[in-house]
């Protein structure tokens, strides 16, 4: 029986050949379209990660802002008495 590593190596060998074989059968327009779609998918992933990081940062800042407003309100009550 083949080991997991042998199986991985076997399929990796054909995986490397597959992309080149597919590209050789495509017209230049088809290759361009495929590359465009791949680039859009990569940038969509980057954009989603960036939005998530921005949302995390904004939610992390919110309690600080709320505390600052509460502190300011307490100080203004203190001075108005």
PDB file of N, CA and C in Angstrom:
ATOM      1  N   UNK A   1       0.845  -1.187   0.000  1.00  0.00           N
ATOM      2  CA  UNK A   1       0.000   0.000   0.000  1.00  0.00           C
ATOM      3  C   UNK A   1       0.889   1.250   0.000  1.00  0.00           C
ATOM      4  N   UNK A   2       0.482   2.255  -0.718  1.00  0.00           N
ATOM      5  CA  UNK A   2       1.260   3.486  -0.840  1.00  0.00           C
ATOM      6  C   UNK A   2       1.084   4.353   0.409  1.00  0.00           C
ATOM      7  N   UNK A   3       2.147   5.041   0.778  1.00  0.00           N
ATOM      8  CA  UNK A   3       2.068   5.946   1.926  1.00  0.00           C
ATOM      9  C   UNK A   3       1.389   7.248   1.489  1.00  0.00           C
ATOM     10  N   UNK A   4       0.997   8.022   2.487  1.00  0.00           N
ATOM     11  CA  UNK A   4       0.340   9.305   2.185  1.00  0.00           C
ATOM     12  C   UNK A   4       1.260  10.215   1.375  1.00  0.00           C
ATOM     13  N   UNK A   5       2.542  10.204   1.729  1.00  0.00           N
ATOM     14  CA  UNK A   5       3.494  11.057   1.015  1.00  0.00           C
ATOM     15  C   UNK A   5       3.621  10.641  -0.443  1.00  0.00           C
ATOM     16  N   UNK A   6       3.640   9.351  -0.712  1.00  0.00           N
ATOM     17  CA  UNK A   6       3.722   8.862  -2.088  1.00  0.00           C
ATOM     18  C   UNK A   6       2.488   9.265  -2.891  1.00  0.00           C
ATOM     19  N   UNK A   7       1.338   9.187  -2.250  1.00  0.00           N
ATOM     20  CA  UNK A   7       0.091   9.593  -2.919  1.00  0.00           C
ATOM     21  C   UNK A   7       0.122  11.082  -3.233  1.00  0.00           C
ATOM     22  N   UNK A   8       0.576  11.891  -2.253  1.00  0.00           N
ATOM     23  CA  UNK A   8       0.661  13.345  -2.474  1.00  0.00           C
ATOM     24  C   UNK A   8       1.606  13.668  -3.630  1.00  0.00           C
ATOM     25  N   UNK A   9       2.754  13.008  -3.628  1.00  0.00           N
ATOM     26  CA  UNK A   9       3.736  13.246  -4.698  1.00  0.00           C
ATOM     27  C   UNK A   9       3.168  12.876  -6.067  1.00  0.00           C
ATOM     28  N   UNK A  10       2.441  11.768  -6.126  1.00  0.00           N
ATOM     29  CA  UNK A  10       1.848  11.298  -7.375  1.00  0.00           C
ATOM     30  C   UNK A  10       0.880  12.338  -7.935  1.00  0.00           C
ATOM     31  N   UNK A  11      -0.028  12.819  -7.084  1.00  0.00           N
ATOM     32  CA  UNK A  11      -1.017  13.800  -7.557  1.00  0.00           C
ATOM     33  C   UNK A  11      -0.403  15.173  -7.796  1.00  0.00           C
ATOM     34  N   UNK A  12       0.611  15.530  -7.033  1.00  0.00           N
ATOM     35  CA  UNK A  12       1.281  16.816  -7.240  1.00  0.00           C
ATOM     36  C   UNK A  12       1.934  16.853  -8.617  1.00  0.00           C
ATOM     37  N   UNK A  13       2.500  15.726  -9.024  1.00  0.00           N
ATOM     38  CA  UNK A  13       3.148  15.657 -10.341  1.00  0.00           C
ATOM     39  C   UNK A  13       2.132  15.966 -11.443  1.00  0.00           C
ATOM     40  N   UNK A  14       0.943  15.387 -11.351  1.00  0.00           N
ATOM     41  CA  UNK A  14      -0.071  15.629 -12.368  1.00  0.00           C
ATOM     42  C   UNK A  14      -0.724  17.000 -12.219  1.00  0.00           C
ATOM     43  N   UNK A  15      -0.761  17.515 -11.008  1.00  0.00           N
ATOM     44  CA  UNK A  15      -1.301  18.850 -10.802  1.00  0.00           C
ATOM     45  C   UNK A  15      -0.460  19.905 -11.492  1.00  0.00           C
ATOM     46  N   UNK A  16       0.841  19.731 -11.459  1.00  0.00           N
ATOM     47  CA  UNK A  16       1.739  20.681 -12.129  1.00  0.00           C
ATOM     48  C   UNK A  16       1.574  20.623 -13.641  1.00  0.00           C
ATOM     49  N   UNK A  17       1.323  19.448 -14.150  1.00  0.00           N
ATOM     50  CA  UNK A  17       1.140  19.300 -15.592  1.00  0.00           C
ATOM     51  C   UNK A  17      -0.220  19.824 -16.033  1.00  0.00           C
ATOM     52  N   UNK A  18      -1.217  19.710 -15.179  1.00  0.00           N
ATOM     53  CA  UNK A  18      -2.588  20.046 -15.548  1.00  0.00           C
ATOM     54  C   UNK A  18      -2.788  21.488 -15.957  1.00  0.00           C
ATOM     55  N   UNK A  19      -2.210  22.421 -15.208  1.00  0.00           N
ATOM     56  CA  UNK A  19      -2.378  23.826 -15.523  1.00  0.00           C
ATOM     57  C   UNK A  19      -1.768  24.199 -16.861  1.00  0.00           C
ATOM     58  N   UNK A  20      -0.606  23.659 -17.128  1.00  0.00           N
ATOM     59  CA  UNK A  20       0.068  23.946 -18.403  1.00  0.00           C
ATOM     60  C   UNK A  20      -0.695  23.325 -19.568  1.00  0.00           C
ATOM     61  N   UNK A  21      -1.196  22.104 -19.370  1.00  0.00           N
ATOM     62  CA  UNK A  21      -1.946  21.440 -20.439  1.00  0.00           C
ATOM     63  C   UNK A  21      -3.242  22.187 -20.732  1.00  0.00           C
ATOM     64  N   UNK A  22      -3.919  22.624 -19.689  1.00  0.00           N
ATOM     65  CA  UNK A  22      -5.166  23.371 -19.883  1.00  0.00           C
ATOM     66  C   UNK A  22      -4.889  24.683 -20.608  1.00  0.00           C
ATOM     67  N   UNK A  23      -3.860  25.394 -20.183  1.00  0.00           N
ATOM     68  CA  UNK A  23      -3.524  26.670 -20.800  1.00  0.00           C
ATOM     69  C   UNK A  23      -3.129  26.506 -22.264  1.00  0.00           C
ATOM     70  N   UNK A  24      -2.462  25.405 -22.594  1.00  0.00           N
ATOM     71  CA  UNK A  24      -2.042  25.213 -23.990  1.00  0.00           C
ATOM     72  C   UNK A  24      -3.235  24.964 -24.913  1.00  0.00           C
ATOM     73  N   UNK A  25      -4.336  24.470 -24.358  1.00  0.00           N
ATOM     74  CA  UNK A  25      -5.530  24.217 -25.175  1.00  0.00           C
ATOM     75  C   UNK A  25      -6.433  25.449 -25.289  1.00  0.00           C
ATOM     76  N   UNK A  26      -6.173  26.478 -24.515  1.00  0.00           N
ATOM     77  CA  UNK A  26      -7.036  27.666 -24.534  1.00  0.00           C
ATOM     78  C   UNK A  26      -6.565  28.671 -25.570  1.00  0.00           C
ATOM     79  N   UNK A  27      -7.512  29.467 -26.016  1.00  0.00           N
ATOM     80  CA  UNK A  27      -7.156  30.574 -26.893  1.00  0.00           C
ATOM     81  C   UNK A  27      -6.628  31.711 -26.015  1.00  0.00           C
ATOM     82  N   UNK A  28      -5.934  32.679 -26.583  1.00  0.00           N
ATOM     83  CA  UNK A  28      -5.447  33.803 -25.775  1.00  0.00           C
ATOM     84  C   UNK A  28      -6.583  34.538 -25.052  1.00  0.00           C
ATOM     85  N   UNK A  29      -7.738  34.649 -25.700  1.00  0.00           N
ATOM     86  CA  UNK A  29      -8.869  35.330 -25.068  1.00  0.00           C
ATOM     87  C   UNK A  29      -9.372  34.546 -23.854  1.00  0.00           C
ATOM     88  N   UNK A  30      -9.419  33.225 -23.980  1.00  0.00           N
ATOM     89  CA  UNK A  30      -9.870  32.386 -22.869  1.00  0.00           C
ATOM     90  C   UNK A  30      -8.888  32.463 -21.693  1.00  0.00           C
ATOM     91  N   UNK A  31      -7.595  32.455 -22.003  1.00  0.00           N
ATOM     92  CA  UNK A  31      -6.597  32.583 -20.934  1.00  0.00           C
ATOM     93  C   UNK A  31      -6.724  33.920 -20.235  1.00  0.00           C
ATOM     94  N   UNK A  32      -6.931  34.974 -21.034  1.00  0.00           N
ATOM     95  CA  UNK A  32      -7.064  36.314 -20.460  1.00  0.00           C
ATOM     96  C   UNK A  32      -8.280  36.376 -19.535  1.00  0.00           C
ATOM     97  N   UNK A  33      -9.395  35.803 -19.967  1.00  0.00           N
ATOM     98  CA  UNK A  33     -10.608  35.798 -19.154  1.00  0.00           C
ATOM     99  C   UNK A  33     -10.397  35.020 -17.858  1.00  0.00           C
ATOM    100  N   UNK A  34      -9.743  33.874 -17.948  1.00  0.00           N
ATOM    101  CA  UNK A  34      -9.483  33.061 -16.762  1.00  0.00           C
ATOM    102  C   UNK A  34      -8.578  33.812 -15.788  1.00  0.00           C
ATOM    103  N   UNK A  35      -7.546  34.464 -16.302  1.00  0.00           N
ATOM    104  CA  UNK A  35      -6.644  35.237 -15.445  1.00  0.00           C
ATOM    105  C   UNK A  35      -7.364  36.415 -14.806  1.00  0.00           C
ATOM    106  N   UNK A  36      -8.259  37.054 -15.559  1.00  0.00           N
ATOM    107  CA  UNK A  36      -9.014  38.185 -15.024  1.00  0.00           C
ATOM    108  C   UNK A  36      -9.900  37.739 -13.864  1.00  0.00           C
ATOM    109  N   UNK A  37     -10.589  36.599 -14.045  1.00  0.00           N
ATOM    110  CA  UNK A  37     -11.457  36.082 -12.987  1.00  0.00           C
ATOM    111  C   UNK A  37     -10.645  35.706 -11.743  1.00  0.00           C
ATOM    112  N   UNK A  38      -9.478  35.115 -11.961  1.00  0.00           N
ATOM    113  CA  UNK A  38      -8.624  34.740 -10.836  1.00  0.00           C
ATOM    114  C   UNK A  38      -8.155  35.979 -10.077  1.00  0.00           C
ATOM    115  N   UNK A  39      -7.788  37.015 -10.805  1.00  0.00           N
ATOM    116  CA  UNK A  39      -7.348  38.255 -10.161  1.00  0.00           C
ATOM    117  C   UNK A  39      -8.492  38.889  -9.374  1.00  0.00           C
ATOM    118  N   UNK A  40      -9.685  38.880  -9.939  1.00  0.00           N
ATOM    119  CA  UNK A  40     -10.844  39.431  -9.220  1.00  0.00           C
ATOM    120  C   UNK A  40     -11.095  38.656  -7.937  1.00  0.00           C
ATOM    121  N   UNK A  41     -10.977  37.350  -7.993  1.00  0.00           N
ATOM    122  CA  UNK A  41     -11.195  36.524  -6.805  1.00  0.00           C
ATOM    123  C   UNK A  41     -10.146  36.845  -5.734  1.00  0.00           C
ATOM    124  N   UNK A  42      -8.892  37.019  -6.155  1.00  0.00           N
ATOM    125  CA  UNK A  42      -7.837  37.348  -5.180  1.00  0.00           C
ATOM    126  C   UNK A  42      -8.090  38.700  -4.547  1.00  0.00           C
ATOM    127  N   UNK A  43      -8.440  39.700  -5.350  1.00  0.00           N
ATOM    128  CA  UNK A  43      -8.670  41.033  -4.811  1.00  0.00           C
ATOM    129  C   UNK A  43      -9.931  41.083  -3.955  1.00  0.00           C
ATOM    130  N   UNK A  44     -10.930  40.290  -4.301  1.00  0.00           N
ATOM    131  CA  UNK A  44     -12.138  40.237  -3.465  1.00  0.00           C
ATOM    132  C   UNK A  44     -11.790  39.684  -2.092  1.00  0.00           C
ATOM    133  N   UNK A  45     -10.925  38.708  -2.059  1.00  0.00           N
ATOM    134  CA  UNK A  45     -10.492  38.126  -0.789  1.00  0.00           C
ATOM    135  C   UNK A  45      -9.739  39.173   0.038  1.00  0.00           C
ATOM    136  N   UNK A  46      -8.841  39.907  -0.600  1.00  0.00           N
ATOM    137  CA  UNK A  46      -8.082  40.945   0.094  1.00  0.00           C
ATOM    138  C   UNK A  46      -9.026  42.015   0.625  1.00  0.00           C
ATOM    139  N   UNK A  47      -9.993  42.414  -0.210  1.00  0.00           N
ATOM    140  CA  UNK A  47     -10.942  43.450   0.189  1.00  0.00           C
ATOM    141  C   UNK A  47     -11.774  42.988   1.385  1.00  0.00           C
ATOM    142  N   UNK A  48     -12.217  41.724   1.357  1.00  0.00           N
ATOM    143  CA  UNK A  48     -13.020  41.201   2.453  1.00  0.00           C
ATOM    144  C   UNK A  48     -12.216  41.185   3.754  1.00  0.00           C
ATOM    145  N   UNK A  49     -10.955  40.764   3.680  1.00  0.00           N
ATOM    146  CA  UNK A  49     -10.100  40.732   4.859  1.00  0.00           C
ATOM    147  C   UNK A  49      -9.870  42.139   5.398  1.00  0.00           C
ATOM    148  N   UNK A  50      -9.700  43.095   4.496  1.00  0.00           N
ATOM    149  CA  UNK A  50      -9.476  44.480   4.907  1.00  0.00           C
ATOM    150  C   UNK A  50     -10.718  45.056   5.587  1.00  0.00           C
ATOM    151  N   UNK A  51     -11.895  44.761   5.025  1.00  0.00           N
ATOM    152  CA  UNK A  51     -13.138  45.232   5.627  1.00  0.00           C
ATOM    153  C   UNK A  51     -13.340  44.621   7.005  1.00  0.00           C
ATOM    154  N   UNK A  52     -13.015  43.327   7.135  1.00  0.00           N
ATOM    155  CA  UNK A  52     -13.169  42.655   8.416  1.00  0.00           C
ATOM    156  C   UNK A  52     -12.222  43.274   9.447  1.00  0.00           C
ATOM    157  N   UNK A  53     -10.999  43.578   9.046  1.00  0.00           N
ATOM    158  CA  UNK A  53     -10.034  44.185   9.959  1.00  0.00           C
ATOM    159  C   UNK A  53     -10.503  45.578  10.373  1.00  0.00           C
ATOM    160  N   UNK A  54     -11.064  46.321   9.434  1.00  0.00           N
ATOM    161  CA  UNK A  54     -11.576  47.655   9.740  1.00  0.00           C
ATOM    162  C   UNK A  54     -12.749  47.560  10.705  1.00  0.00           C
ATOM    163  N   UNK A  55     -13.634  46.600  10.480  1.00  0.00           N
ATOM    164  CA  UNK A  55     -14.788  46.420  11.366  1.00  0.00           C
ATOM    165  C   UNK A  55     -14.327  46.008  12.759  1.00  0.00           C
ATOM    166  N   UNK A  56     -13.337  45.132  12.840  1.00  0.00           N
ATOM    167  CA  UNK A  56     -12.807  44.719  14.141  1.00  0.00           C
ATOM    168  C   UNK A  56     -12.210  45.897  14.871  1.00  0.00           C
ATOM    169  N   UNK A  57     -11.477  46.740  14.150  1.00  0.00           N
ATOM    170  CA  UNK A  57     -10.860  47.911  14.752  1.00  0.00           C
ATOM    171  C   UNK A  57     -11.927  48.896  15.222  1.00  0.00           C
ATOM    172  N   UNK A  58     -12.952  49.096  14.414  1.00  0.00           N
ATOM    173  CA  UNK A  58     -14.017  50.026  14.778  1.00  0.00           C
ATOM    174  C   UNK A  58     -14.766  49.526  16.008  1.00  0.00           C
ATOM    175  N   UNK A  59     -15.050  48.237  16.073  1.00  0.00           N
ATOM    176  CA  UNK A  59     -15.762  47.708  17.225  1.00  0.00           C
ATOM    177  C   UNK A  59     -14.878  47.746  18.466  1.00  0.00           C
ATOM    178  N   UNK A  60     -13.573  47.620  18.289  1.00  0.00           N
ATOM    179  CA  UNK A  60     -12.664  47.701  19.425  1.00  0.00           C
ATOM    180  C   UNK A  60     -12.579  49.127  19.948  1.00  0.00           C
ATOM    181  N   UNK A  61     -12.723  50.100  19.066  1.00  0.00           N
ATOM    182  CA  UNK A  61     -12.660  51.503  19.473  1.00  0.00           C
ATOM    183  C   UNK A  61     -13.944  51.975  20.127  1.00  0.00           C
ATOM    184  N   UNK A  62     -15.058  51.380  19.802  1.00  0.00           N
ATOM    185  CA  UNK A  62     -16.345  51.874  20.262  1.00  0.00           C
ATOM    186  C   UNK A  62     -16.451  51.954  21.779  1.00  0.00           C
ATOM    187  N   UNK A  63     -16.095  50.938  22.539  1.00  0.00           N
ATOM    188  CA  UNK A  63     -16.204  51.059  23.989  1.00  0.00           C
ATOM    189  C   UNK A  63     -15.352  52.187  24.548  1.00  0.00           C
ATOM    190  N   UNK A  64     -14.196  52.421  23.977  1.00  0.00           N
ATOM    191  CA  UNK A  64     -13.346  53.509  24.439  1.00  0.00           C
ATOM    192  C   UNK A  64     -14.057  54.831  24.213  1.00  0.00           C
ATOM    193  N   UNK A  65     -14.672  54.990  23.052  1.00  0.00           N
ATOM    194  CA  UNK A  65     -15.398  56.211  22.749  1.00  0.00           C
ATOM    195  C   UNK A  65     -16.577  56.388  23.710  1.00  0.00           C
ATOM    196  N   UNK A  66     -17.285  55.314  23.982  1.00  0.00           N
ATOM    197  CA  UNK A  66     -18.418  55.369  24.892  1.00  0.00           C
ATOM    198  C   UNK A  66     -17.943  55.756  26.288  1.00  0.00           C
ATOM    199  N   UNK A  67     -16.850  55.170  26.736  1.00  0.00           N
ATOM    200  CA  UNK A  67     -16.308  55.514  28.052  1.00  0.00           C
ATOM    201  C   UNK A  67     -15.891  56.978  28.094  1.00  0.00           C
ATOM    202  N   UNK A  68     -15.304  57.461  27.022  1.00  0.00           N
ATOM    203  CA  UNK A  68     -14.880  58.856  26.979  1.00  0.00           C
ATOM    204  C   UNK A  68     -16.086  59.780  27.074  1.00  0.00           C
ATOM    205  N   UNK A  69     -17.181  59.430  26.383  1.00  0.00           N
ATOM    206  CA  UNK A  69     -18.401  60.243  26.464  1.00  0.00           C
ATOM    207  C   UNK A  69     -18.972  60.229  27.875  1.00  0.00           C
ATOM    208  N   UNK A  70     -18.950  59.064  28.502  1.00  0.00           N
ATOM    209  CA  UNK A  70     -19.463  58.970  29.866  1.00  0.00           C
ATOM    210  C   UNK A  70     -18.611  59.786  30.825  1.00  0.00           C
ATOM    211  N   UNK A  71     -17.287  59.728  30.653  1.00  0.00           N
ATOM    212  CA  UNK A  71     -16.383  60.513  31.492  1.00  0.00           C
ATOM    213  C   UNK A  71     -16.631  62.003  31.308  1.00  0.00           C
ATOM    214  N   UNK A  72     -16.815  62.400  30.063  1.00  0.00           N
ATOM    215  CA  UNK A  72     -17.045  63.816  29.772  1.00  0.00           C
ATOM    216  C   UNK A  72     -18.359  64.279  30.388  1.00  0.00           C
ATOM    217  N   UNK A  73     -19.393  63.456  30.280  1.00  0.00           N
ATOM    218  CA  UNK A  73     -20.686  63.800  30.879  1.00  0.00           C
ATOM    219  C   UNK A  73     -20.566  63.899  32.393  1.00  0.00           C
ATOM    220  N   UNK A  74     -19.824  62.992  33.004  1.00  0.00           N
ATOM    221  CA  UNK A  74     -19.638  63.022  34.463  1.00  0.00           C
ATOM    222  C   UNK A  74     -18.890  64.270  34.874  1.00  0.00           C
ATOM    223  N   UNK A  75     -17.883  64.661  34.096  1.00  0.00           N
ATOM    224  CA  UNK A  75     -17.122  65.864  34.419  1.00  0.00           C
ATOM    225  C   UNK A  75     -17.984  67.112  34.286  1.00  0.00           C
ATOM    226  N   UNK A  76     -18.825  67.158  33.237  1.00  0.00           N
ATOM    227  CA  UNK A  76     -19.656  68.340  33.063  1.00  0.00           C
ATOM    228  C   UNK A  76     -20.695  68.422  34.185  1.00  0.00           C
ATOM    229  N   UNK A  77     -21.197  67.287  34.657  1.00  0.00           N
ATOM    230  CA  UNK A  77     -22.127  67.302  35.808  1.00  0.00           C
ATOM    231  C   UNK A  77     -21.394  67.782  37.056  1.00  0.00           C
ATOM    232  N   UNK A  78     -20.173  67.370  37.211  1.00  0.00           N
ATOM    233  CA  UNK A  78     -19.377  67.724  38.378  1.00  0.00           C
ATOM    234  C   UNK A  78     -19.137  69.231  38.425  1.00  0.00           C
ATOM    235  N   UNK A  79     -18.827  69.830  37.269  1.00  0.00           N
ATOM    236  CA  UNK A  79     -18.565  71.258  37.216  1.00  0.00           C
ATOM    237  C   UNK A  79     -19.826  72.102  37.249  1.00  0.00           C
ATOM    238  N   UNK A  80     -20.948  71.520  36.832  1.00  0.00           N
ATOM    239  CA  UNK A  80     -22.186  72.299  36.822  1.00  0.00           C
ATOM    240  C   UNK A  80     -22.815  72.396  38.208  1.00  0.00           C
ATOM    241  N   UNK A  81     -22.381  71.561  39.153  1.00  0.00           N
ATOM    242  CA  UNK A  81     -22.953  71.585  40.517  1.00  0.00           C
ATOM    243  C   UNK A  81     -22.398  72.677  41.339  1.00  0.00           C
TER     244      UNK A  81
END
